[in-house]
């Protein structure tokens, strides 16, 4: 179960960010509060993705079999994809 949490960690961060930004945009529409909340949520999720990537990169120091190494690479790929997606979703709040 713990391996699944690590492997899906990036996707979970991305989903939390997506729904939070969607809720903020639906409730506050185009106000400055929406922009500020979106930026704060984006920064928090980027920090979570950065922590996840750093933690997964440290995990390679231990002795692992090839399956564990493969799972770690999948988790790193998901966290990297989440990092780009969160940045992409939060970018409009910074540009307007």
Protein backbone atom coordinates (compact mmCIF):
# COMPACT_ATOMS: atom_id res chain seq x y z
CA UNK A 1 0.00 0.00 0.00
CA UNK A 2 2.84 2.36 0.80
CA UNK A 3 4.42 1.76 -2.61
CA UNK A 4 1.19 2.82 -4.29
CA UNK A 5 1.14 6.04 -2.28
CA UNK A 6 4.66 6.87 -3.45
CA UNK A 7 3.92 5.94 -7.04
CA UNK A 8 0.70 7.97 -7.16
CA UNK A 9 1.99 10.85 -5.02
CA UNK A 10 2.54 13.19 -7.96
CA UNK A 11 -0.86 12.44 -9.44
CA UNK A 12 -2.50 13.04 -6.07
CA UNK A 13 -0.80 16.45 -5.77
CA UNK A 14 -1.92 17.30 -9.30
CA UNK A 15 -5.53 16.26 -8.58
CA UNK A 16 -5.63 18.27 -5.35
CA UNK A 17 -4.30 21.33 -7.18
CA UNK A 18 -6.73 20.91 -10.06
CA UNK A 19 -9.80 20.65 -7.85
CA UNK A 20 -8.67 23.44 -5.52
CA UNK A 21 -8.05 25.83 -8.41
CA UNK A 22 -11.38 24.85 -9.98
CA UNK A 23 -13.22 25.52 -6.72
CA UNK A 24 -11.45 28.86 -6.23
CA UNK A 25 -12.26 29.91 -9.80
CA UNK A 26 -15.91 28.87 -9.37
CA UNK A 27 -16.44 30.63 -6.06
CA UNK A 28 -14.43 33.82 -6.47
CA UNK A 29 -14.58 34.14 -10.28
CA UNK A 30 -12.11 36.78 -11.51
CA UNK A 31 -11.35 38.65 -8.30
CA UNK A 32 -7.96 39.36 -6.80
CA UNK A 33 -8.74 36.87 -4.04
CA UNK A 34 -8.99 34.11 -6.64
CA UNK A 35 -5.64 35.10 -8.09
CA UNK A 36 -3.96 35.16 -4.68
CA UNK A 37 -5.46 31.82 -3.61
CA UNK A 38 -4.46 30.23 -6.92
CA UNK A 39 -0.88 31.43 -6.56
CA UNK A 40 -0.72 30.21 -2.96
CA UNK A 41 -2.14 26.80 -3.87
CA UNK A 42 0.21 26.54 -6.84
CA UNK A 43 3.24 27.32 -4.70
CA UNK A 44 2.15 24.81 -2.04
CA UNK A 45 1.67 22.06 -4.63
CA UNK A 46 4.98 22.88 -6.32
CA UNK A 47 6.65 22.58 -2.93
CA UNK A 48 4.94 19.23 -2.36
CA UNK A 49 6.11 17.98 -5.76
CA UNK A 50 9.64 19.22 -5.07
CA UNK A 51 9.67 17.43 -1.73
CA UNK A 52 8.38 14.25 -3.35
CA UNK A 53 11.03 14.37 -6.08
CA UNK A 54 13.81 15.02 -3.55
CA UNK A 55 12.60 12.17 -1.36
CA UNK A 56 12.41 9.75 -4.29
CA UNK A 57 15.89 10.71 -5.48
CA UNK A 58 17.28 9.96 -2.01
CA UNK A 59 15.70 6.52 -2.06
CA UNK A 60 18.15 5.28 -4.69
CA UNK A 61 21.01 5.25 -2.17
CA UNK A 62 19.70 2.03 -0.58
CA UNK A 63 20.11 -1.42 -2.04
CA UNK A 64 17.03 -2.24 -4.07
CA UNK A 65 16.01 -4.82 -6.58
CA UNK A 66 15.15 -3.94 -10.16
CA UNK A 67 11.39 -3.87 -9.50
CA UNK A 68 11.77 -1.32 -6.70
CA UNK A 69 14.02 0.73 -8.93
CA UNK A 70 11.40 0.61 -11.70
CA UNK A 71 8.67 1.71 -9.25
CA UNK A 72 10.86 4.60 -8.12
CA UNK A 73 11.36 5.74 -11.73
CA UNK A 74 7.62 5.57 -12.37
CA UNK A 75 7.02 7.65 -9.23
CA UNK A 76 9.66 10.19 -10.32
CA UNK A 77 8.04 10.44 -13.76
CA UNK A 78 4.61 11.02 -12.21
CA UNK A 79 5.98 13.66 -9.85
CA UNK A 80 7.77 15.40 -12.72
CA UNK A 81 4.62 15.37 -14.81
CA UNK A 82 2.69 16.75 -11.85
CA UNK A 83 5.25 19.53 -11.41
CA UNK A 84 4.82 20.65 -15.01
CA UNK A 85 1.01 20.32 -14.90
CA UNK A 86 0.67 22.29 -11.66
CA UNK A 87 2.88 25.04 -13.06
CA UNK A 88 0.87 25.05 -16.30
CA UNK A 89 -2.45 25.29 -14.44
CA UNK A 90 -1.24 28.04 -12.13
CA UNK A 91 0.40 30.12 -14.85
CA UNK A 92 -2.75 32.07 -15.91
CA UNK A 93 -3.06 33.51 -12.39
CA UNK A 94 0.46 34.89 -12.70
CA UNK A 95 0.04 36.31 -16.19
CA UNK A 96 -3.21 38.24 -15.77
